[in-house]
């Protein structure tokens, strides 16, 4: 079962690369914000999978929850900043 979680973690890393591509090369600010949020969400799931593999689910779930809250607050702050200062529809 541990091997299955390792393969799921590796597959999740490859899926994260797709979102990372959208974050780096997104044509608009909205694409970059959504890509950043997607990478953060997948990182949260990856932290839980790492916890299962290492047998320390309790510790890694706490870290994942804290990371998810920070990711959510950071994306909201960035969206608010770009809405007020530069506009979300402008090209980056």
Protein backbone atom coordinates (compact mmCIF):
# COMPACT_ATOMS: atom_id res chain seq x y z
CA UNK A 1 0.00 0.00 0.00
CA UNK A 2 2.91 2.31 0.73
CA UNK A 3 4.15 1.86 -2.84
CA UNK A 4 0.78 2.98 -4.19
CA UNK A 5 0.99 6.19 -2.16
CA UNK A 6 4.50 6.81 -3.49
CA UNK A 7 3.26 6.49 -7.06
CA UNK A 8 0.31 8.76 -6.28
CA UNK A 9 2.73 11.33 -4.86
CA UNK A 10 4.89 11.18 -7.97
CA UNK A 11 1.84 11.55 -10.21
CA UNK A 12 0.69 14.51 -8.12
CA UNK A 13 4.10 16.16 -8.63
CA UNK A 14 3.71 15.83 -12.40
CA UNK A 15 0.22 17.31 -12.21
CA UNK A 16 1.63 20.17 -10.16
CA UNK A 17 4.03 20.96 -13.00
CA UNK A 18 1.07 21.72 -15.26
CA UNK A 19 -0.25 24.25 -12.77
CA UNK A 20 3.25 25.63 -12.27
CA UNK A 21 3.52 26.19 -16.02
CA UNK A 22 0.27 28.21 -15.89
CA UNK A 23 1.64 30.17 -12.95
CA UNK A 24 4.88 31.11 -14.69
CA UNK A 25 3.68 31.60 -18.26
CA UNK A 26 0.05 32.63 -17.70
CA UNK A 27 -1.12 35.31 -20.09
CA UNK A 28 -3.08 37.20 -17.43
CA UNK A 29 -2.81 37.89 -13.73
CA UNK A 30 -5.93 35.79 -13.09
CA UNK A 31 -4.32 32.75 -14.74
CA UNK A 32 -1.26 33.18 -12.54
CA UNK A 33 -3.33 33.51 -9.37
CA UNK A 34 -5.39 30.43 -10.19
CA UNK A 35 -2.22 28.49 -11.03
CA UNK A 36 -0.66 29.53 -7.73
CA UNK A 37 -3.76 28.46 -5.84
CA UNK A 38 -3.80 25.11 -7.65
CA UNK A 39 -0.14 24.46 -6.83
CA UNK A 40 -0.85 25.25 -3.18
CA UNK A 41 -3.84 22.92 -3.07
CA UNK A 42 -1.89 20.08 -4.63
CA UNK A 43 0.98 20.71 -2.20
CA UNK A 44 -1.46 20.32 0.68
CA UNK A 45 -2.57 16.94 -0.67
CA UNK A 46 1.06 15.95 -1.23
CA UNK A 47 1.90 16.77 2.39
CA UNK A 48 -0.84 14.41 3.56
CA UNK A 49 0.44 11.67 1.24
CA UNK A 50 3.98 12.18 2.59
CA UNK A 51 2.56 11.82 6.09
CA UNK A 52 0.96 8.51 5.14
CA UNK A 53 4.19 7.23 3.60
CA UNK A 54 6.30 8.16 6.64
CA UNK A 55 3.67 7.01 9.13
CA UNK A 56 3.33 10.43 10.75
CA UNK A 57 -0.09 11.47 9.47
CA UNK A 58 -0.91 13.52 12.56
CA UNK A 59 2.11 15.80 12.16
CA UNK A 60 1.84 16.22 8.41
CA UNK A 61 -1.91 16.93 8.53
CA UNK A 62 -1.23 19.81 10.93
CA UNK A 63 1.44 21.17 8.57
CA UNK A 64 -0.90 20.73 5.58
CA UNK A 65 -3.71 22.64 7.30
CA UNK A 66 -1.38 25.51 8.20
CA UNK A 67 -0.01 25.59 4.65
CA UNK A 68 -3.52 25.58 3.16
CA UNK A 69 -4.54 28.54 5.33
CA UNK A 70 -1.41 30.48 4.36
CA UNK A 71 -1.98 29.68 0.68
CA UNK A 72 -5.59 30.82 0.85
CA UNK A 73 -4.72 34.09 2.61
CA UNK A 74 -1.82 34.79 0.23
CA UNK A 75 -3.97 34.29 -2.88
CA UNK A 76 -6.71 36.50 -1.45
CA UNK A 77 -4.18 39.22 -0.61
CA UNK A 78 -2.63 39.06 -4.08
CA UNK A 79 -6.05 39.21 -5.74
CA UNK A 80 -7.03 42.22 -3.62
CA UNK A 81 -3.73 43.93 -4.43
CA UNK A 82 -4.03 43.45 -8.18
CA UNK A 83 -7.68 44.47 -8.13
CA UNK A 84 -6.91 47.77 -6.41
CA UNK A 85 -3.55 48.65 -7.97
CA UNK A 86 -3.19 47.21 -11.44
CA UNK A 87 -6.47 45.63 -12.40
CA UNK A 88 -7.01 41.92 -12.85
CA UNK A 89 -7.77 42.11 -16.56
CA UNK A 90 -4.47 43.77 -17.53
CA UNK A 91 -1.67 41.85 -19.15
CA UNK A 92 1.31 41.08 -16.93
